[in-house]
Amino acid sequence: MPLVTDTSMVDLEDKIGEQMPNSNSGMSMYSLTPIPLPNELPPVNKFNPVELLPESIRAYVSDIANRQQCPIDFVGVTSVCSLSAIIGNKVVIRPKQNDDWEVVPTQWGGIIGRPSMMKTPAMKSGVSPLHRMEDERKQAYESALNSYKAELAIREIEQKQVKDNARKLIKDDKRDLALQELEKFEAAEEHQPNRHRLIINDATVEKVGELLNENLNGLFLVRDEIAGLIAKLRGEDAQSERAFYLECFDGNGRFVYDRIGRGTIDIANCTLFILGGIQPSKLAPLVRGAVNGQEDDGLIQRFQLAVWPDDEKTWKWIDRAPNKDTLDRYRYVFEELDQLEAPQGTYLRFSPDAQPLFIEWMEELQTEARSGELHPAFESHLMKMPKTIAGLALLFELIDGGRQEVGPLATARALEWADYLRSHANRVYSLVSNAGVIGAKIILNRESKLPNLFTSRDIQRKGWAGLATHSDVQDAIDLLLEHRWIFAEPIDTTKQGGRPSIRYTWNVREV
């Protein structure tokens, strides 16, 4: 049943007339049986690890999901984002056989669910090999830093000797020789070691830029709650930061910062992978901004690996040791990709038997996206999907040991992800298209917090998520009216005049 966005008094009278039973029936106007509300969320594809994951990481992902009793989607997406971050930009894919269109396999993932859905533990388990590598690199950096400090102390002594020798040469009218000695000494200067980073959690964009220049393969931004970062980027004073993050999605762009104090920062490779958790209530205003055109620069659409599985309805006590063999094998895949040596500019193309698979999918996608039948926000989401799917095909090929071309198995697996991710994107954007249903269920679930007779303003004052504006509240009320959960009672104008108002009362029913 279509949602009503604006209820006029004429429409209200029609609704009241529909609520009134036959006068001879003896039924109360408020005892009609309510009609069940429609589902607010469209269905999503289940995460099938056999179809979506390479065999080498499949067992670990399944083991974590089983022991933690979290949706396997969360661990699967985390593993894919983490492995993509290890590859970074050292190997890219050219999806066409002759064109120079290159795709860096940057993936932005979001795991969506209520607080009890075990988002954080799932992310920690999937990212754990990267944290282990970070610890190893930190130890190596600290050791190199100690050596550098010792070398620096010796160099200070040598510097004094070189300057003394230069003074003597100048006194002997051998200025050119003195200059050569000083230049030779300066050229041999030891540079302070850089700490090789893989993961960042919270940093200013200027600092992120500096870190990217020190880690040319890219960085992985991991946040337990990504809503805070996105909310920050929505501010008027953060538009430059937002532009920087938008540039980082492609993975091969450049960005220049000019700041007083920091000077000019040239970022040669803006390669950033992102993963974070978010609750549906915090996601709704972000999607709404993309849909209504207020924030239609494509930031939300870049979270291509955003998944929102169904809530887990059951729980049981599981207490068993982690499977060490699956963990070792999972770590080994990370180590293999980390040690992958590829000359700058290395790229793979689809094999002759894989290319037609990608072409067929691409043609169908582009035709649908250009049909004019989709909302522009969702159309924008689909138009970014080819980069995502090509990047996944490259990732799966590299995980399976391929180094020459992307074959049909990796391509078919990536296309399975296309169907899976498409269904979850439908659910994400339904936060706006089905906002009335969501709001109606919130009101219904919180009936006890409202008086027997209430107004739309009573609901709006509560500040409930998704019901912050008059339009949101009215959409939800209209749906409750249509489905007989509430009834409307117009209030006549007072003697002092004023506009007529409307109160609502609950349907009498068994609770």
Protein backbone atom coordinates (compact mmCIF):
# COMPACT_ATOMS: atom_id res chain seq x y z
CA MET A 1 0.00 0.00 0.00
CA PRO A 2 1.56 3.38 -0.98
CA LEU A 3 2.79 5.62 1.76
CA VAL A 4 1.06 9.00 2.22
CA THR A 5 3.38 11.90 2.80
CA ASP A 6 0.90 14.68 3.44
CA THR A 7 -2.48 14.20 5.08
CA SER A 8 -4.98 16.92 4.25
CA MET A 9 -8.24 17.32 6.17
CA VAL A 10 -10.11 15.92 3.16
CA ASP A 11 -7.92 12.82 3.15
CA LEU A 12 -8.38 12.52 6.90
CA GLU A 13 -12.15 12.58 6.58
CA ASP A 14 -11.90 9.79 4.02
CA LYS A 15 -9.75 7.76 6.39
CA ILE A 16 -12.13 8.31 9.28
CA GLY A 17 -14.98 7.21 7.06
CA GLU A 18 -13.09 4.02 6.23
CA GLN A 19 -12.55 3.38 9.95
CA MET A 20 -16.29 3.57 10.76
CA PRO A 21 -17.97 0.15 10.75
CA ASN A 22 -21.57 -0.42 9.70
CA SER A 23 -23.84 1.25 12.27
CA ASN A 24 -25.95 -1.91 12.48
CA SER A 25 -23.00 -4.16 13.24
CA GLY A 26 -22.81 -3.18 16.89
CA MET A 27 -19.03 -2.94 16.62
CA SER A 28 -17.03 -0.16 18.18
CA MET A 29 -15.20 2.12 15.82
CA TYR A 30 -12.03 1.22 17.70
CA SER A 31 -12.32 -2.57 17.66
CA LEU A 32 -11.53 -3.35 14.02
CA THR A 33 -8.79 -5.93 13.61
CA PRO A 34 -5.50 -4.25 12.69
CA ILE A 35 -3.84 -5.24 9.43
CA PRO A 36 -0.25 -6.50 9.86
CA LEU A 37 2.33 -3.96 8.79
CA PRO A 38 4.46 -4.85 5.76
CA ASN A 39 8.08 -5.90 6.15
CA GLU A 40 10.30 -2.86 6.41
CA LEU A 41 13.39 -4.59 5.05
CA PRO A 42 13.67 -6.43 1.74
CA PRO A 43 15.26 -9.90 1.87
CA VAL A 44 18.99 -10.33 1.36
CA ASN A 45 21.05 -13.16 -0.07
CA LYS A 46 22.62 -15.47 2.47
CA PHE A 47 26.41 -15.56 2.73
CA ASN A 48 27.47 -18.85 1.17
CA PRO A 49 31.16 -19.38 2.05
CA VAL A 50 31.59 -22.10 -0.58
CA GLU A 51 30.49 -19.76 -3.36
CA LEU A 52 31.95 -16.51 -2.02
CA LEU A 53 35.30 -17.41 -0.44
CA PRO A 54 38.46 -19.13 -1.66
CA GLU A 55 39.01 -22.49 -0.02
CA SER A 56 42.16 -21.33 1.78
CA ILE A 57 40.30 -18.83 4.02
CA ARG A 58 36.85 -20.42 4.08
CA ALA A 59 37.35 -22.70 7.10
CA TYR A 60 38.70 -19.93 9.33
CA VAL A 61 35.84 -17.57 8.51
CA SER A 62 33.30 -20.31 9.23
CA ASP A 63 35.06 -21.29 12.48
CA ILE A 64 35.01 -17.71 13.81
CA ALA A 65 31.35 -17.18 12.89
CA ASN A 66 30.38 -20.43 14.60
CA ARG A 67 32.29 -19.83 17.84
CA GLN A 68 31.29 -16.19 18.14
CA GLN A 69 27.76 -16.87 16.89
CA CYS A 70 27.84 -13.80 14.69
CA PRO A 71 26.66 -13.55 11.08
CA ILE A 72 29.25 -15.12 8.82
CA ASP A 73 28.78 -12.09 6.58
CA PHE A 74 30.66 -9.94 9.10
CA VAL A 75 33.74 -12.16 9.20
CA GLY A 76 33.65 -12.76 5.44
CA VAL A 77 33.56 -9.07 4.53
CA THR A 78 36.26 -8.28 7.08
CA SER A 79 38.55 -10.95 5.67
CA VAL A 80 38.07 -9.71 2.10
CA CYS A 81 38.75 -6.08 3.04
CA SER A 82 41.81 -7.06 5.08
CA LEU A 83 43.33 -9.19 2.32
CA SER A 84 42.68 -6.46 -0.24
CA ALA A 85 44.56 -4.03 2.00
CA ILE A 86 47.62 -6.33 1.97
CA ILE A 87 47.68 -6.22 -1.83
CA GLY A 88 47.23 -2.46 -1.80
CA ASN A 89 48.20 -0.90 -5.11
CA LYS A 90 51.20 -3.09 -5.96
CA VAL A 91 49.09 -5.18 -8.35
CA VAL A 92 46.10 -3.82 -10.28
CA ILE A 93 43.69 -5.22 -12.84
CA ARG A 94 42.87 -3.94 -16.30
CA PRO A 95 39.34 -5.23 -16.92
CA LYS A 96 39.54 -4.65 -20.70
CA GLN A 97 41.95 -6.39 -23.07
CA ASN A 98 43.18 -3.28 -24.90
CA ASP A 99 42.04 -0.30 -22.85
CA ASP A 100 44.31 1.17 -20.16
CA TRP A 101 41.47 1.42 -17.57
CA GLU A 102 43.08 0.26 -14.33
CA VAL A 103 41.42 -0.77 -11.10
CA VAL A 104 43.19 -0.65 -7.76
CA PRO A 105 41.44 -3.24 -5.52
CA THR A 106 40.47 -0.75 -2.80
CA GLN A 107 37.45 -2.02 -0.89
CA TRP A 108 35.30 -0.05 1.55
CA GLY A 109 33.23 -2.26 3.80
CA GLY A 110 30.52 -1.65 6.37
CA ILE A 111 28.99 -4.26 8.66
CA ILE A 112 25.52 -3.21 9.71
CA GLY A 113 23.66 -4.57 12.69
CA ARG A 114 22.31 -3.95 16.16
CA PRO A 115 24.79 -3.64 19.07
CA SER A 116 24.25 -7.29 20.04
CA MET A 117 25.26 -8.64 16.63
CA MET A 118 28.94 -9.13 17.58
CA LYS A 119 30.26 -6.72 14.96
CA THR A 120 33.43 -5.77 16.82
CA PRO A 121 34.57 -9.33 17.70
CA ALA A 122 33.99 -10.39 14.09
CA MET A 123 36.09 -7.51 12.81
CA LYS A 124 38.90 -8.15 15.28
CA SER A 125 39.11 -11.80 14.28
CA GLY A 126 39.15 -11.06 10.57
CA VAL A 127 41.78 -8.33 10.87
CA SER A 128 43.95 -10.21 13.42
CA PRO A 129 46.73 -11.21 10.95
CA LEU A 130 47.25 -7.56 10.09
CA HIS A 131 47.58 -6.64 13.77
CA ARG A 132 50.16 -9.39 14.12
CA MET A 133 52.11 -7.99 11.17
CA GLU A 134 51.83 -4.49 12.65
CA ASP A 135 53.39 -5.73 15.91
CA GLU A 136 56.27 -7.32 13.99
CA ARG A 137 56.86 -4.13 12.04
CA LYS A 138 56.72 -2.06 15.19
CA GLN A 139 59.45 -4.19 16.78
CA ALA A 140 61.59 -3.91 13.65
CA TYR A 141 61.06 -0.15 13.60
CA GLU A 142 62.05 0.24 17.26
CA SER A 143 65.20 -1.80 16.67
CA ALA A 144 66.09 0.29 13.61
CA LEU A 145 65.36 3.48 15.57
CA ASN A 146 67.79 2.46 18.34
CA SER A 147 70.49 1.80 15.73
CA TYR A 148 69.74 5.14 14.11
CA LYS A 149 70.11 6.99 17.42
CA ALA A 150 73.47 5.31 18.07
CA GLU A 151 74.58 6.15 14.53
CA LEU A 152 73.43 9.74 15.08
CA ALA A 153 75.62 10.08 18.18
CA ILE A 154 78.66 8.86 16.25
CA ARG A 155 77.82 11.16 13.38
CA GLU A 156 77.81 14.19 15.67
CA ILE A 157 81.41 13.35 16.61
CA GLU A 158 82.35 12.87 12.97
CA GLN A 159 80.64 16.11 12.03
CA LYS A 160 82.86 18.04 14.42
CA GLN A 161 85.95 16.46 12.87
CA VAL A 162 84.80 17.23 9.33
CA LYS A 163 84.13 20.87 10.25
CA ASP A 164 87.55 21.17 11.87
CA ASN A 165 89.18 19.76 8.73
CA ALA A 166 87.15 22.17 6.57
CA ARG A 167 88.36 25.13 8.62
CA LYS A 168 91.98 24.07 8.08
CA LEU A 169 91.43 23.68 4.34
CA ILE A 170 89.87 27.14 4.13
CA LYS A 171 92.84 28.64 6.00
CA ASP A 172 95.14 26.95 3.46
CA ASP A 173 93.09 28.60 0.69
CA LYS A 174 91.59 25.25 -0.35
CA ARG A 175 87.94 26.26 -0.18
CA ASP A 176 86.84 23.90 -2.98
CA LEU A 177 88.29 20.90 -1.14
CA ALA A 178 86.56 22.02 2.07
CA LEU A 179 83.25 22.26 0.21
CA GLN A 180 83.72 18.77 -1.25
CA GLU A 181 84.43 17.29 2.20
CA LEU A 182 81.28 18.88 3.68
CA GLU A 183 79.09 17.80 0.73
CA LYS A 184 80.42 14.24 0.94
CA PHE A 185 79.61 14.12 4.63
CA GLU A 186 76.08 15.47 4.14
CA ALA A 187 75.40 13.04 1.29
CA ALA A 188 76.17 10.09 3.58
CA GLU A 189 73.61 11.22 6.17
CA GLU A 190 71.56 8.44 7.73
CA HIS A 191 67.81 8.94 7.40
CA GLN A 192 65.53 8.26 10.29
CA PRO A 193 63.69 4.96 9.68
CA ASN A 194 59.98 5.02 8.89
CA ARG A 195 57.57 2.81 10.74
CA HIS A 196 55.86 0.55 8.22
CA ARG A 197 52.15 0.86 8.93
CA LEU A 198 49.22 -1.24 7.78
CA ILE A 199 46.31 -0.08 9.95
CA ILE A 200 45.15 3.29 11.20
CA ASN A 201 42.18 4.02 13.41
CA ASP A 202 41.95 7.75 14.03
CA ALA A 203 44.02 10.50 12.45
CA THR A 204 43.60 13.91 10.85
CA VAL A 205 43.59 13.88 7.07
CA GLU A 206 46.91 15.75 7.05
CA LYS A 207 48.46 13.00 9.14
CA VAL A 208 46.87 10.34 6.96
CA GLY A 209 48.49 12.06 3.98
CA GLU A 210 51.91 11.93 5.63
CA LEU A 211 51.44 8.27 6.51
CA LEU A 212 50.41 7.45 2.94
CA ASN A 213 53.64 9.04 1.69
CA GLU A 214 55.55 6.78 4.09
CA ASN A 215 53.50 3.70 3.15
CA LEU A 216 53.15 3.83 -0.60
CA ASN A 217 51.20 0.58 -0.83
CA GLY A 218 48.25 2.14 1.02
CA LEU A 219 46.65 1.99 4.47
CA PHE A 220 43.68 0.26 6.05
CA LEU A 221 41.38 2.47 8.13
CA VAL A 222 39.49 0.33 10.66
CA ARG A 223 36.87 1.78 12.98
CA ASP A 224 34.57 -0.08 15.38
CA GLU A 225 31.95 2.56 14.61
CA ILE A 226 32.32 4.21 11.22
CA ALA A 227 29.32 6.49 11.83
CA GLY A 228 31.49 8.97 13.76
CA LEU A 229 33.86 9.46 10.86
CA ILE A 230 31.07 9.87 8.30
CA ALA A 231 29.16 12.24 10.58
CA LYS A 232 32.29 14.36 10.90
CA LEU A 233 32.66 14.50 7.13
CA ARG A 234 29.09 15.81 6.83
CA GLY A 235 30.03 19.11 8.48
CA GLU A 236 30.40 22.30 6.46
CA ASP A 237 33.93 22.81 7.75
CA ALA A 238 35.02 19.31 6.70
CA GLN A 239 34.41 19.50 2.96
CA SER A 240 38.12 19.43 2.16
CA GLU A 241 38.51 16.29 4.26
CA ARG A 242 35.51 14.75 2.53
CA ALA A 243 37.07 15.47 -0.86
CA PHE A 244 40.25 13.74 0.27
CA TYR A 245 38.40 10.56 1.28
CA LEU A 246 36.45 10.57 -1.98
CA GLU A 247 39.74 10.67 -3.86
CA CYS A 248 41.11 7.75 -1.83
CA PHE A 249 38.46 5.31 -3.07
CA ASP A 250 39.95 4.99 -6.55
CA GLY A 251 43.32 4.19 -5.00
CA ASN A 252 45.43 5.81 -7.71
CA GLY A 253 44.66 9.50 -7.31
CA ARG A 254 46.79 12.39 -6.10
CA PHE A 255 46.00 15.04 -3.52
CA VAL A 256 47.84 18.18 -2.42
CA TYR A 257 47.39 19.85 0.96
CA ASP A 258 48.60 23.38 1.64
CA ARG A 259 48.53 24.17 5.35
CA ILE A 260 50.11 26.88 7.44
CA GLY A 261 52.48 25.12 9.79
CA ARG A 262 52.62 21.87 7.84
CA GLY A 263 53.43 23.49 4.52
CA THR A 264 52.62 21.62 1.31
CA ILE A 265 51.90 17.90 1.47
CA ASP A 266 51.92 16.10 -1.88
CA ILE A 267 50.22 12.71 -1.64
CA ALA A 268 51.30 10.69 -4.65
CA ASN A 269 49.12 7.62 -4.00
CA CYS A 270 45.79 8.10 -2.25
CA THR A 271 45.18 4.43 -1.53
CA LEU A 272 42.91 3.87 1.44
CA PHE A 273 40.90 0.81 2.44
CA ILE A 274 38.09 1.32 4.96
CA LEU A 275 36.12 -0.99 7.23
CA GLY A 276 33.75 -0.15 10.07
CA GLY A 277 30.63 -1.19 11.90
CA ILE A 278 27.45 0.84 12.07
CA GLN A 279 23.97 0.52 13.56
CA PRO A 280 20.91 0.82 11.28
CA SER A 281 19.58 3.84 13.18
CA LYS A 282 22.83 5.72 12.57
CA LEU A 283 22.99 4.65 8.96
CA ALA A 284 19.51 5.96 8.11
CA PRO A 285 20.31 9.72 8.07
CA LEU A 286 23.45 9.08 6.00
CA VAL A 287 21.49 7.19 3.36
CA ARG A 288 18.73 9.80 3.49
CA GLY A 289 21.27 12.52 2.73
CA ALA A 290 22.47 10.62 -0.34
CA VAL A 291 18.93 9.95 -1.57
CA ASN A 292 17.47 13.43 -1.11
CA GLY A 293 20.39 15.05 -2.89
CA GLN A 294 21.86 16.93 0.07
CA GLU A 295 24.96 14.70 0.06
CA ASP A 296 25.01 13.19 -3.39
CA ASP A 297 28.77 13.18 -3.97
CA GLY A 298 28.93 9.39 -3.77
CA LEU A 299 30.48 8.91 -0.33
CA ILE A 300 27.89 6.40 0.87
CA GLN A 301 27.92 4.63 -2.50
CA ARG A 302 31.63 3.96 -2.07
CA PHE A 303 30.88 1.54 0.76
CA GLN A 304 30.31 -1.21 -1.76
CA LEU A 305 30.90 -4.02 0.72
CA ALA A 306 28.18 -2.84 3.10
CA VAL A 307 26.27 -5.86 4.39
CA TRP A 308 23.19 -6.04 6.58
CA PRO A 309 22.31 -9.66 7.33
CA ASP A 310 19.18 -10.77 9.17
CA ASP A 311 19.35 -10.73 12.96
CA GLU A 312 20.38 -13.97 14.61
CA LYS A 313 17.28 -15.20 16.45
CA THR A 314 18.89 -18.06 18.39
CA TRP A 315 21.89 -18.44 20.63
CA LYS A 316 23.53 -21.38 22.35
CA TRP A 317 26.57 -21.92 24.53
CA ILE A 318 29.62 -22.83 22.43
CA ASP A 319 32.93 -23.35 24.18
CA ARG A 320 35.65 -24.99 22.12
CA ALA A 321 39.22 -24.21 21.27
CA PRO A 322 39.94 -22.28 18.08
CA ASN A 323 40.95 -24.43 15.12
CA LYS A 324 44.69 -23.78 14.95
CA ASP A 325 45.10 -25.30 11.50
CA THR A 326 42.52 -22.97 9.96
CA LEU A 327 44.09 -19.96 11.72
CA ASP A 328 47.57 -20.89 10.49
CA ARG A 329 46.30 -21.27 6.96
CA TYR A 330 44.47 -17.95 7.15
CA ARG A 331 47.63 -16.20 8.36
CA TYR A 332 49.68 -17.89 5.65
CA VAL A 333 47.51 -16.30 2.93
CA PHE A 334 48.24 -12.85 4.40
CA GLU A 335 51.97 -13.57 4.54
CA GLU A 336 52.03 -14.81 0.94
CA LEU A 337 50.29 -11.70 -0.34
CA ASP A 338 52.46 -9.45 1.82
CA GLN A 339 55.63 -10.99 0.35
CA LEU A 340 54.32 -10.75 -3.19
CA GLU A 341 56.93 -8.83 -5.17
CA ALA A 342 55.65 -6.95 -8.15
CA PRO A 343 57.45 -4.25 -10.15
CA GLN A 344 55.74 -0.89 -10.21
CA GLY A 345 53.02 -0.86 -12.84
CA THR A 346 52.22 -4.58 -12.61
CA TYR A 347 48.74 -5.42 -13.83
CA LEU A 348 46.67 -8.49 -14.72
CA ARG A 349 43.89 -8.88 -17.27
CA PHE A 350 41.06 -11.39 -17.52
CA SER A 351 41.91 -14.65 -19.24
CA PRO A 352 40.19 -15.41 -22.58
CA ASP A 353 37.64 -17.69 -20.89
CA ALA A 354 37.00 -15.26 -18.00
CA GLN A 355 36.59 -12.07 -20.02
CA PRO A 356 33.17 -12.99 -21.51
CA LEU A 357 31.79 -13.58 -18.00
CA PHE A 358 32.72 -10.07 -16.91
CA ILE A 359 31.54 -8.52 -20.19
CA GLU A 360 28.09 -10.14 -19.94
CA TRP A 361 27.63 -8.97 -16.35
CA MET A 362 28.94 -5.48 -17.15
CA GLU A 363 26.59 -5.03 -20.08
CA GLU A 364 23.56 -6.05 -18.01
CA LEU A 365 24.58 -3.74 -15.17
CA GLN A 366 25.24 -0.72 -17.37
CA THR A 367 21.97 -1.21 -19.25
CA GLU A 368 19.98 -1.30 -16.02
CA ALA A 369 21.85 1.67 -14.53
CA ARG A 370 21.13 3.78 -17.65
CA SER A 371 17.48 2.78 -17.94
CA GLY A 372 16.23 5.79 -15.99
CA GLU A 373 14.09 3.50 -13.82
CA LEU A 374 16.36 3.58 -10.77
CA HIS A 375 16.74 6.27 -8.15
CA PRO A 376 19.86 8.35 -8.93
CA ALA A 377 21.45 7.37 -5.59
CA PHE A 378 21.07 3.66 -6.29
CA GLU A 379 22.13 4.18 -9.89
CA SER A 380 25.32 5.79 -8.59
CA HIS A 381 25.87 2.78 -6.33
CA LEU A 382 25.59 0.36 -9.26
CA MET A 383 27.93 2.44 -11.43
CA LYS A 384 30.68 1.98 -8.84
CA MET A 385 30.21 -1.78 -8.70
CA PRO A 386 32.43 -2.70 -11.72
CA LYS A 387 35.49 -1.44 -9.87
CA THR A 388 34.49 -3.48 -6.82
CA ILE A 389 33.86 -6.71 -8.71
CA ALA A 390 37.00 -6.41 -10.84
CA GLY A 391 39.02 -5.80 -7.67
CA LEU A 392 37.50 -8.86 -6.01
CA ALA A 393 38.28 -11.02 -9.03
CA LEU A 394 41.92 -9.89 -8.83
CA LEU A 395 42.02 -10.60 -5.09
CA PHE A 396 40.62 -14.12 -5.44
CA GLU A 397 43.05 -14.93 -8.25
CA LEU A 398 46.03 -13.78 -6.19
CA ILE A 399 44.81 -15.72 -3.14
CA ASP A 400 44.63 -18.87 -5.26
CA GLY A 401 48.18 -18.34 -6.46
CA GLY A 402 47.52 -16.87 -9.89
CA ARG A 403 50.10 -14.34 -11.06
CA GLN A 404 49.62 -14.08 -14.84
CA GLU A 405 45.90 -13.46 -15.50
CA VAL A 406 42.53 -13.54 -13.74
CA GLY A 407 40.85 -16.82 -14.55
CA PRO A 408 37.21 -17.97 -14.74
CA LEU A 409 37.03 -19.38 -11.19
CA ALA A 410 38.08 -16.12 -9.54
CA THR A 411 35.83 -14.16 -11.92
CA ALA A 412 32.80 -16.34 -11.25
CA ARG A 413 33.38 -16.00 -7.52
CA ALA A 414 33.50 -12.21 -7.83
CA LEU A 415 30.25 -12.24 -9.80
CA GLU A 416 28.63 -14.25 -6.98
CA TRP A 417 29.63 -11.33 -4.76
CA ALA A 418 27.91 -8.97 -7.20
CA ASP A 419 24.56 -10.70 -6.64
CA TYR A 420 25.13 -10.93 -2.90
CA LEU A 421 26.15 -7.28 -2.49
CA ARG A 422 23.33 -6.08 -4.73
CA SER A 423 20.73 -7.60 -2.39
CA HIS A 424 22.33 -5.92 0.63
CA ALA A 425 22.46 -2.59 -1.20
CA ASN A 426 18.71 -2.92 -1.77
CA ARG A 427 18.25 -3.29 1.97
CA VAL A 428 20.49 -0.32 2.77
CA TYR A 429 18.62 2.05 0.46
CA SER A 430 15.28 0.77 1.72
CA LEU A 431 16.00 2.75 4.88
CA VAL A 432 14.64 5.69 2.93
CA SER A 433 12.10 4.09 0.61
CA ASN A 434 10.57 2.15 3.52
CA ALA A 435 11.10 4.81 6.16
CA GLY A 436 7.36 4.98 6.89
CA VAL A 437 7.23 1.27 7.72
CA ILE A 438 10.27 1.50 9.96
CA GLY A 439 8.86 4.54 11.77
CA ALA A 440 5.44 2.90 12.17
CA LYS A 441 7.00 -0.13 13.84
CA ILE A 442 9.02 2.07 16.17
CA ILE A 443 5.85 3.87 17.28
CA LEU A 444 4.00 0.58 17.67
CA ASN A 445 6.79 -0.96 19.75
CA ARG A 446 6.84 2.09 22.02
CA GLU A 447 3.11 2.44 22.46
CA SER A 448 3.49 2.45 26.25
CA LYS A 449 5.60 5.62 26.04
CA LEU A 450 2.76 7.59 24.46
CA PRO A 451 -0.55 8.71 26.01
CA ASN A 452 -3.86 7.19 24.96
CA LEU A 453 -4.56 10.34 22.96
CA PHE A 454 -1.49 11.75 21.27
CA THR A 455 -0.47 14.08 18.48
CA SER A 456 2.28 13.91 15.89
CA ARG A 457 4.16 16.49 17.91
CA ASP A 458 4.14 14.13 20.92
CA ILE A 459 6.03 11.60 18.81
CA GLN A 460 8.44 14.08 17.28
CA ARG A 461 9.38 15.42 20.74
CA LYS A 462 10.60 11.94 21.71
CA GLY A 463 13.49 12.27 19.28
CA TRP A 464 13.33 8.61 18.29
CA ALA A 465 15.70 7.53 15.52
CA GLY A 466 14.08 7.92 12.11
CA LEU A 467 11.27 10.09 13.51
CA ALA A 468 13.05 13.38 13.93
CA THR A 469 11.10 15.43 11.37
CA HIS A 470 7.41 16.13 10.90
CA SER A 471 7.50 14.39 7.52
CA ASP A 472 9.00 11.23 9.03
CA VAL A 473 6.37 11.15 11.76
CA GLN A 474 3.50 11.79 9.39
CA ASP A 475 4.59 9.00 7.03
CA ALA A 476 4.59 6.57 9.95
CA ILE A 477 1.23 7.79 11.27
CA ASP A 478 -0.38 7.49 7.85
CA LEU A 479 0.73 3.88 7.63
CA LEU A 480 -0.62 3.09 11.11
CA LEU A 481 -3.93 4.70 10.12
CA GLU A 482 -4.15 2.71 6.91
CA HIS A 483 -3.50 -0.53 8.78
CA ARG A 484 -5.97 0.30 11.61
CA TRP A 485 -3.44 0.36 14.45
CA ILE A 486 -4.54 3.88 15.36
CA PHE A 487 -7.52 6.11 14.63
CA ALA A 488 -7.69 9.85 14.03
CA GLU A 489 -9.87 12.27 15.97
CA PRO A 490 -10.08 15.81 14.55
CA ILE A 491 -10.21 18.58 17.15
CA ASP A 492 -12.46 21.49 16.33
CA THR A 493 -11.13 24.98 16.50
CA THR A 494 -11.52 26.76 19.82
CA LYS A 495 -13.48 29.94 20.37
CA GLN A 496 -10.23 31.81 20.06
CA GLY A 497 -9.82 30.42 16.57
CA GLY A 498 -6.70 28.70 15.30
CA ARG A 499 -6.13 25.83 12.90
CA PRO A 500 -7.86 22.50 13.47
CA SER A 501 -5.58 19.81 14.88
CA ILE A 502 -5.63 16.03 14.95
CA ARG A 503 -5.21 13.59 17.80
CA TYR A 504 -4.74 9.87 17.48
CA THR A 505 -5.92 7.02 19.68
CA TRP A 506 -4.89 3.39 19.79
CA ASN A 507 -7.07 0.65 18.42
CA VAL A 508 -8.60 -1.49 21.18
CA ARG A 509 -7.09 -4.95 20.79
CA GLU A 510 -5.57 -7.78 22.71
CA VAL A 511 -1.99 -7.02 23.64
